[in-house]
Amino acid sequence: MKLLVVSHACVTPANQAFFAEVKNVTGWDVSLLLPRQWATAYGKVESVERLHGFAGDLHTIPVWMCGNIPLHFYKSPLLGLLRTIQPDAIYVHHEPYGLATFQVFAANHLTVQCPIGFYAAQNILKNYPAPFRWFEKAVLAQARFAFPVSQGALDVLRTKGYQAQAEILPLSVDLELYRPRPGWAKNKRGELGIRPEEFLVGYVGRLAEEKGLGTLLQALARMPQQGWRCLLVGSGPFEMILRARALELGIADRVIFAGYVEHLEAANWYSCLDLLVLPSESRSHWREQFGRVLAEANACEVPVVGTDSGEIGNILRGLGGGLVVPESNPVELANAILAMMEKPERRKEFAMSGAQAVRARFDQNVVAKQFAASIQQVLWV
């Protein structure tokens, strides 16, 4: 069995781990097709590195529109590559409206014509301008399988006319990486000047306005003046505004900006926290598509509070690892944080419940088996 995976995300080696697990649990010959270079918000990847443990082939091809997720496409028609690999199935790890998605689907149609599928996280029904709606329509018509990450994403696909096999596949968590690290956390808290008895509430991710961090600061300003600190792990365009707001609210001395950290280091930072908050706020063009940090924090036995933006509520209620509050509501958010702060036994219950659920449903091994079984079912038809 030969599986070809096309994924811009896998230029980051950590994202290759899931497909390494697919290869481990199935014995399939798994190959990755990736952009040769890729621009991110944190810099440009000039050369793709292989994740230690991924034994499949890496095929890298330059792309036009480097770094643009929906608009990038490969500087090759891909026909020769598909004829050489002769895959039994192709998984395009992109949304169905992307140029690269259509490019791979067209190349497959002109060559090997094997079962082909795609990824979907878009949970808002959007009508794209031509020619993107034509590309999307062609992809939805040709696809034999799809892996939406949520029920909302699946609903959008069905509304747009997709009729073939689809299985909701959550974003997986590598439990070898995401686990409690109390020793590292103790040392880091000491370095940051956070006393052992202080309650540390935190956020991990990009510092962007739609993530609701302004509301988080308003909520924290309503908290008691002593006994807590806030740790913001990440960077982004909203950082300077957040610093100014913390100063205006009189809590600048209690808010720590840790800056950007590598993906593989995130598990360490989760372990520093007593509570993770994901206060996302929906926009007309966006709402939270999954909230992977919720599962990652729970895997590290950290409870969470999240707003009801997009899929956050569904994920949190399914995990049982924390509380859901209305978005853009600093009063409700402050009450939830304070409730967690004042009841450590409740925090422990949420943390352990969430950790158990993540192991059962989001473990990379579990999700890889689900992914492989779904593709195998298509091949049997």
Protein backbone atom coordinates (compact mmCIF):
# COMPACT_ATOMS: atom_id res chain seq x y z
CA MET A 1 0.00 0.00 0.00
CA LYS A 2 1.47 3.33 -1.11
CA LEU A 3 0.05 6.54 0.37
CA LEU A 4 1.12 9.96 -0.89
CA VAL A 5 0.45 12.88 1.45
CA VAL A 6 0.60 16.44 0.14
CA SER A 7 1.06 18.91 2.99
CA HIS A 8 2.49 22.40 3.34
CA ALA A 9 2.17 22.02 7.14
CA CYS A 10 4.74 19.23 7.15
CA VAL A 11 7.56 21.62 6.30
CA THR A 12 7.54 21.87 10.11
CA PRO A 13 9.08 18.53 11.17
CA ALA A 14 6.77 18.15 14.19
CA ASN A 15 3.79 17.94 11.82
CA GLN A 16 5.32 14.89 10.14
CA ALA A 17 4.83 12.91 13.35
CA PHE A 18 1.23 11.95 12.57
CA PHE A 19 2.16 10.45 9.21
CA ALA A 20 5.11 8.67 10.79
CA GLU A 21 2.58 7.10 13.16
CA VAL A 22 0.36 6.12 10.21
CA LYS A 23 3.34 4.31 8.72
CA ASN A 24 4.13 2.66 12.05
CA VAL A 25 0.62 1.31 12.66
CA THR A 26 -0.03 0.16 9.09
CA GLY A 27 3.30 -0.73 7.54
CA TRP A 28 2.29 1.36 4.52
CA ASP A 29 4.79 3.09 2.27
CA VAL A 30 4.02 6.71 3.20
CA SER A 31 5.56 9.53 1.15
CA LEU A 32 5.29 13.28 1.73
CA LEU A 33 5.15 15.95 -0.97
CA LEU A 34 6.09 19.35 0.50
CA PRO A 35 6.98 22.86 -0.64
CA ARG A 36 10.77 23.23 -0.87
CA GLN A 37 10.58 26.56 0.96
CA TRP A 38 7.79 28.02 3.06
CA ALA A 39 7.19 31.43 4.64
CA THR A 40 5.57 31.59 8.07
CA ALA A 41 4.70 34.40 10.44
CA TYR A 42 7.90 33.56 12.31
CA GLY A 43 10.30 33.43 9.35
CA LYS A 44 11.03 31.50 6.18
CA VAL A 45 11.82 27.79 6.08
CA GLU A 46 14.63 27.59 3.53
CA SER A 47 15.05 23.82 3.53
CA VAL A 48 12.79 21.07 4.79
CA GLU A 49 14.07 18.90 7.61
CA ARG A 50 13.01 15.33 8.23
CA LEU A 51 11.48 14.45 11.57
CA HIS A 52 13.52 11.85 13.38
CA GLY A 53 11.34 8.75 13.21
CA PHE A 54 9.70 9.45 9.86
CA ALA A 55 11.13 6.86 7.46
CA GLY A 56 9.10 7.65 4.34
CA ASP A 57 10.26 9.53 1.27
CA LEU A 58 10.25 13.34 1.27
CA HIS A 59 9.61 14.96 -2.11
CA THR A 60 10.15 18.72 -2.15
CA ILE A 61 9.16 21.00 -5.03
CA PRO A 62 9.29 24.82 -5.16
CA VAL A 63 5.95 26.61 -5.02
CA TRP A 64 4.51 29.84 -6.34
CA MET A 65 2.93 32.10 -3.69
CA CYS A 66 5.20 30.67 -1.00
CA GLY A 67 3.58 30.93 2.43
CA ASN A 68 0.06 31.64 1.17
CA ILE A 69 -2.02 28.64 2.26
CA PRO A 70 -4.95 28.92 -0.18
CA LEU A 71 -3.04 30.41 -3.14
CA HIS A 72 0.23 28.46 -3.26
CA PHE A 73 0.76 25.85 -5.95
CA TYR A 74 3.67 23.74 -7.12
CA LYS A 75 6.09 24.78 -9.87
CA SER A 76 5.57 21.42 -11.51
CA PRO A 77 2.51 19.77 -13.06
CA LEU A 78 3.23 16.78 -10.75
CA LEU A 79 2.40 14.32 -13.55
CA GLY A 80 5.84 12.73 -13.63
CA LEU A 81 5.99 12.44 -9.86
CA LEU A 82 2.66 10.61 -9.64
CA ARG A 83 3.63 8.25 -12.46
CA THR A 84 6.88 7.48 -10.64
CA ILE A 85 5.36 6.93 -7.20
CA GLN A 86 2.21 5.14 -8.45
CA PRO A 87 0.34 5.71 -5.16
CA ASP A 88 -2.64 3.58 -4.18
CA ALA A 89 -4.21 6.62 -2.47
CA ILE A 90 -3.48 10.34 -2.15
CA TYR A 91 -4.33 12.52 0.84
CA VAL A 92 -4.17 16.27 0.22
CA HIS A 93 -3.70 17.89 3.62
CA HIS A 94 -5.32 21.14 2.45
CA GLU A 95 -8.78 22.68 2.24
CA PRO A 96 -10.74 21.78 -0.92
CA TYR A 97 -10.74 25.37 -2.23
CA GLY A 98 -6.93 25.71 -2.29
CA LEU A 99 -5.01 25.97 -5.57
CA ALA A 100 -2.59 23.23 -4.54
CA THR A 101 -5.52 20.94 -3.75
CA PHE A 102 -7.00 21.40 -7.22
CA GLN A 103 -3.54 20.99 -8.79
CA VAL A 104 -3.00 17.60 -7.13
CA PHE A 105 -6.53 16.46 -7.96
CA ALA A 106 -6.05 17.44 -11.62
CA ALA A 107 -2.69 15.66 -11.80
CA ASN A 108 -4.21 12.53 -10.31
CA HIS A 109 -7.09 12.64 -12.82
CA LEU A 110 -4.61 12.88 -15.70
CA THR A 111 -2.35 10.08 -14.46
CA VAL A 112 -2.88 7.34 -11.88
CA GLN A 113 -6.55 8.08 -11.04
CA CYS A 114 -6.26 6.54 -7.57
CA PRO A 115 -8.65 7.28 -4.67
CA ILE A 116 -7.94 10.80 -3.43
CA GLY A 117 -9.18 12.83 -0.47
CA PHE A 118 -8.68 16.07 1.43
CA TYR A 119 -8.63 17.81 4.82
CA ALA A 120 -11.25 20.34 5.96
CA ALA A 121 -11.47 22.70 8.93
CA GLN A 122 -13.54 25.56 7.48
CA ASN A 123 -16.66 25.74 9.67
CA ILE A 124 -18.25 28.83 8.10
CA LEU A 125 -20.19 28.50 4.85
CA LYS A 126 -18.38 30.75 2.37
CA ASN A 127 -18.98 31.24 -1.34
CA TYR A 128 -15.63 31.88 -2.99
CA PRO A 129 -15.15 33.96 -6.15
CA ALA A 130 -14.33 32.38 -9.48
CA PRO A 131 -12.17 30.48 -10.23
CA PHE A 132 -11.84 29.18 -6.65
CA ARG A 133 -15.45 28.04 -6.41
CA TRP A 134 -14.93 26.09 -9.66
CA PHE A 135 -11.80 24.44 -8.25
CA GLU A 136 -13.61 23.61 -5.03
CA LYS A 137 -16.58 22.15 -6.91
CA ALA A 138 -14.27 19.93 -8.98
CA VAL A 139 -12.45 18.71 -5.87
CA LEU A 140 -15.69 17.91 -4.03
CA ALA A 141 -16.95 15.99 -7.07
CA GLN A 142 -13.78 13.91 -7.54
CA ALA A 143 -12.88 13.19 -3.91
CA ARG A 144 -13.44 9.67 -2.58
CA PHE A 145 -12.85 10.56 1.07
CA ALA A 146 -12.55 13.59 3.35
CA PHE A 147 -11.33 14.20 6.87
CA PRO A 148 -13.12 17.22 8.40
CA VAL A 149 -11.81 18.05 11.86
CA SER A 150 -15.24 18.87 13.29
CA GLN A 151 -18.96 18.45 12.78
CA GLY A 152 -19.13 22.10 11.72
CA ALA A 153 -16.61 21.49 8.94
CA LEU A 154 -18.51 18.39 7.83
CA ASP A 155 -21.77 20.34 7.74
CA VAL A 156 -20.18 22.91 5.43
CA LEU A 157 -18.97 20.17 3.07
CA ARG A 158 -22.39 18.53 2.90
CA THR A 159 -24.09 21.88 2.29
CA LYS A 160 -21.73 22.47 -0.62
CA GLY A 161 -22.70 19.14 -2.16
CA TYR A 162 -19.95 16.76 -1.08
CA GLN A 163 -21.49 13.28 -1.03
CA ALA A 164 -18.63 10.79 -0.68
CA GLN A 165 -17.17 9.23 2.46
CA ALA A 166 -16.30 11.65 5.25
CA GLU A 167 -15.08 10.91 8.75
CA ILE A 168 -14.58 13.50 11.44
CA LEU A 169 -10.91 13.20 12.36
CA PRO A 170 -9.75 15.31 15.32
CA LEU A 171 -6.33 16.86 15.37
CA SER A 172 -4.17 14.37 17.22
CA VAL A 173 -1.88 14.81 20.22
CA ASP A 174 1.51 13.15 20.58
CA LEU A 175 1.33 11.85 24.15
CA GLU A 176 5.06 11.17 24.21
CA LEU A 177 5.55 14.91 23.86
CA TYR A 178 2.49 16.33 25.62
CA ARG A 179 2.72 15.07 29.18
CA PRO A 180 3.28 16.66 32.58
CA ARG A 181 6.81 18.00 33.08
CA PRO A 182 6.84 19.18 36.71
CA GLY A 183 10.61 19.48 37.03
CA TRP A 184 11.00 21.77 34.03
CA ALA A 185 7.95 23.76 35.09
CA LYS A 186 9.25 24.30 38.62
CA ASN A 187 12.55 25.63 37.31
CA LYS A 188 10.92 27.87 34.70
CA ARG A 189 8.46 29.35 37.19
CA GLY A 190 11.41 30.16 39.42
CA GLU A 191 13.24 31.84 36.52
CA LEU A 192 10.16 33.94 35.79
CA GLY A 193 9.81 34.99 39.43
CA ILE A 194 6.51 33.16 39.95
CA ARG A 195 6.15 31.92 43.51
CA PRO A 196 5.00 28.30 44.06
CA GLU A 197 1.79 29.43 45.76
CA GLU A 198 0.80 31.87 42.99
CA PHE A 199 -2.00 30.81 40.65
CA LEU A 200 -0.71 30.95 37.07
CA VAL A 201 -3.26 31.40 34.31
CA GLY A 202 -1.93 31.32 30.78
CA TYR A 203 -2.44 31.30 27.04
CA VAL A 204 -0.38 29.49 24.40
CA GLY A 205 -0.61 30.53 20.76
CA ARG A 206 -0.52 33.44 18.38
CA LEU A 207 -1.16 36.88 19.87
CA ALA A 208 -3.95 38.02 17.56
CA GLU A 209 -7.02 40.17 18.23
CA GLU A 210 -9.53 37.42 17.40
CA LYS A 211 -8.03 35.21 20.09
CA GLY A 212 -9.82 37.35 22.68
CA LEU A 213 -6.74 38.31 24.67
CA GLY A 214 -8.00 41.85 25.19
CA THR A 215 -11.05 40.37 26.92
CA LEU A 216 -8.76 38.11 28.95
CA LEU A 217 -6.89 41.15 30.28
CA GLN A 218 -10.19 42.84 31.17
CA ALA A 219 -11.22 39.69 33.05
CA LEU A 220 -7.92 39.56 34.93
CA ALA A 221 -8.32 43.21 35.94
CA ARG A 222 -11.47 42.15 37.80
CA MET A 223 -9.56 39.55 39.80
CA PRO A 224 -8.15 40.08 43.30
CA GLN A 225 -4.94 42.08 43.22
CA GLN A 226 -2.88 39.32 44.81
CA GLY A 227 -2.33 35.60 44.40
CA TRP A 228 -2.21 35.24 40.61
CA ARG A 229 -0.03 35.87 37.56
CA CYS A 230 -0.68 35.58 33.82
CA LEU A 231 1.69 34.03 31.28
CA LEU A 232 1.21 34.68 27.55
CA VAL A 233 3.28 32.25 25.47
CA GLY A 234 3.58 33.26 21.82
CA SER A 235 4.01 36.28 19.60
CA GLY A 236 1.96 38.11 17.02
CA PRO A 237 0.65 41.44 15.73
CA PHE A 238 -1.44 42.17 18.83
CA GLU A 239 1.42 42.04 21.33
CA MET A 240 2.15 45.77 21.61
CA ILE A 241 -1.54 46.57 22.01
CA LEU A 242 -1.82 43.94 24.76
CA ARG A 243 1.17 45.40 26.58
CA ALA A 244 -0.42 48.85 26.45
CA ARG A 245 -3.78 47.53 27.67
CA ALA A 246 -2.19 45.67 30.56
CA LEU A 247 -0.55 48.94 31.57
CA GLU A 248 -3.85 50.86 31.30
CA LEU A 249 -5.64 48.23 33.39
CA GLY A 250 -2.99 48.36 36.10
CA ILE A 251 -1.94 44.71 35.74
CA ALA A 252 1.24 45.05 33.67
CA ASP A 253 3.35 43.81 36.59
CA ARG A 254 1.29 40.59 36.74
CA VAL A 255 1.35 39.74 33.01
CA ILE A 256 4.41 37.98 31.57
CA PHE A 257 5.06 37.90 27.82
CA ALA A 258 7.19 34.82 27.12
CA GLY A 259 7.50 35.43 23.37
CA TYR A 260 7.63 32.86 20.60
CA VAL A 261 8.57 29.29 21.53
CA GLU A 262 9.20 26.35 19.21
CA HIS A 263 6.30 23.95 18.72
CA LEU A 264 8.18 21.10 20.38
CA GLU A 265 8.75 23.21 23.52
CA ALA A 266 5.08 23.99 24.09
CA ALA A 267 4.48 20.97 26.33
CA ASN A 268 7.00 22.31 28.81
CA TRP A 269 5.17 25.63 29.03
CA TYR A 270 1.76 24.02 29.53
CA SER A 271 3.15 22.31 32.61
CA CYS A 272 3.96 25.70 34.13
CA LEU A 273 0.27 26.63 34.20
CA ASP A 274 -2.44 26.05 36.75
CA LEU A 275 -5.04 26.95 34.12
CA LEU A 276 -5.03 27.46 30.34
CA VAL A 277 -7.47 29.96 28.84
CA LEU A 278 -8.56 30.05 25.19
CA PRO A 279 -10.76 33.19 25.00
CA SER A 280 -11.32 33.23 21.21
CA GLU A 281 -13.90 35.62 19.74
CA SER A 282 -15.72 34.92 16.47
CA ARG A 283 -15.56 37.25 13.49
CA SER A 284 -17.73 37.41 10.38
CA HIS A 285 -15.07 35.49 8.44
CA TRP A 286 -13.62 33.33 11.24
CA ARG A 287 -14.46 31.33 14.31
CA GLU A 288 -12.32 28.84 16.17
CA GLN A 289 -11.99 25.75 13.99
CA PHE A 290 -10.74 23.30 16.61
CA GLY A 291 -8.73 24.61 19.55
CA ARG A 292 -5.91 22.07 19.62
CA VAL A 293 -4.33 23.76 22.65
CA LEU A 294 -7.30 22.52 24.73
CA ALA A 295 -6.39 18.88 24.13
CA GLU A 296 -2.66 19.57 24.47
CA ALA A 297 -3.13 21.27 27.85
CA ASN A 298 -5.42 18.49 29.10
CA ALA A 299 -2.82 15.92 28.00
CA CYS A 300 -0.38 17.78 30.27
CA GLU A 301 -2.99 17.52 33.07
CA VAL A 302 -3.80 21.22 32.97
CA PRO A 303 -7.49 22.26 33.15
CA VAL A 304 -8.85 24.82 30.72
CA VAL A 305 -11.42 27.57 30.30
CA GLY A 306 -12.58 28.33 26.77
CA THR A 307 -15.20 30.50 25.14
CA ASP A 308 -18.04 29.17 22.98
CA SER A 309 -16.45 30.38 19.74
CA GLY A 310 -16.72 27.78 16.99
CA GLU A 311 -15.66 24.29 18.04
CA ILE A 312 -14.23 25.16 21.47
CA GLY A 313 -17.42 24.29 23.34
CA ASN A 314 -17.80 20.96 21.55
CA ILE A 315 -14.19 20.00 22.23
CA LEU A 316 -14.29 21.03 25.87
CA ARG A 317 -17.59 19.35 26.65
CA GLY A 318 -16.38 16.18 24.97
CA LEU A 319 -13.16 16.16 26.96
CA GLY A 320 -14.70 17.20 30.26
CA GLY A 321 -11.46 19.05 30.92
CA GLY A 322 -12.71 22.50 31.84
CA LEU A 323 -15.34 25.22 31.64
CA VAL A 324 -17.05 26.92 28.69
CA VAL A 325 -18.00 30.62 28.94
CA PRO A 326 -19.65 33.07 26.50
CA GLU A 327 -17.21 34.82 24.20
CA SER A 328 -16.41 38.53 24.60
CA ASN A 329 -17.66 38.50 28.21
CA PRO A 330 -14.98 39.55 30.70
CA VAL A 331 -17.31 39.13 33.69
CA GLU A 332 -18.12 35.49 32.96
CA LEU A 333 -14.50 34.80 32.09
CA ALA A 334 -13.29 36.34 35.34
CA ASN A 335 -15.82 34.30 37.32
CA ALA A 336 -14.66 31.07 35.67
CA ILE A 337 -10.97 31.83 36.28
CA LEU A 338 -11.69 32.76 39.90
CA ALA A 339 -13.71 29.57 40.42
CA MET A 340 -10.76 27.52 39.18
CA MET A 341 -8.35 29.52 41.32
CA GLU A 342 -10.35 29.05 44.51
CA LYS A 343 -11.09 25.33 44.09
CA PRO A 344 -7.90 23.34 43.46
CA GLU A 345 -9.75 20.05 43.92
CA ARG A 346 -12.09 21.01 41.05
CA ARG A 347 -9.11 21.91 38.88
CA LYS A 348 -7.67 18.47 39.56
CA GLU A 349 -10.93 16.77 38.58
CA PHE A 350 -11.09 18.67 35.30
CA ALA A 351 -7.41 18.00 34.59
CA MET A 352 -7.64 14.25 35.14
CA SER A 353 -10.92 13.92 33.25
CA GLY A 354 -9.47 15.80 30.30
CA ALA A 355 -6.24 13.81 30.33
CA GLN A 356 -8.14 10.52 30.30
CA ALA A 357 -10.36 11.65 27.41
CA VAL A 358 -7.39 12.87 25.35
CA ARG A 359 -5.69 9.49 25.75
CA ALA A 360 -8.83 7.71 24.59
CA ARG A 361 -9.81 9.96 21.67
CA PHE A 362 -6.93 12.23 20.61
CA ASP A 363 -3.87 10.03 21.08
CA GLN A 364 -1.85 10.12 17.86
CA ASN A 365 -1.88 6.33 17.68
CA VAL A 366 -5.68 6.18 18.00
CA VAL A 367 -6.27 8.87 15.37
CA ALA A 368 -3.71 7.34 12.99
CA LYS A 369 -5.55 4.02 13.12
CA GLN A 370 -8.86 5.79 12.48
CA PHE A 371 -7.31 7.62 9.50
CA ALA A 372 -5.89 4.43 8.01
CA ALA A 373 -9.08 2.42 8.51
CA SER A 374 -11.12 5.07 6.69
CA ILE A 375 -8.78 5.07 3.68
CA GLN A 376 -8.66 1.27 3.67
CA GLN A 377 -12.46 1.20 3.56
CA VAL A 378 -12.40 3.34 0.40
CA LEU A 379 -9.87 1.01 -1.23
CA TRP A 380 -12.05 -2.02 -0.51
CA VAL A 381 -15.08 -0.57 -2.30
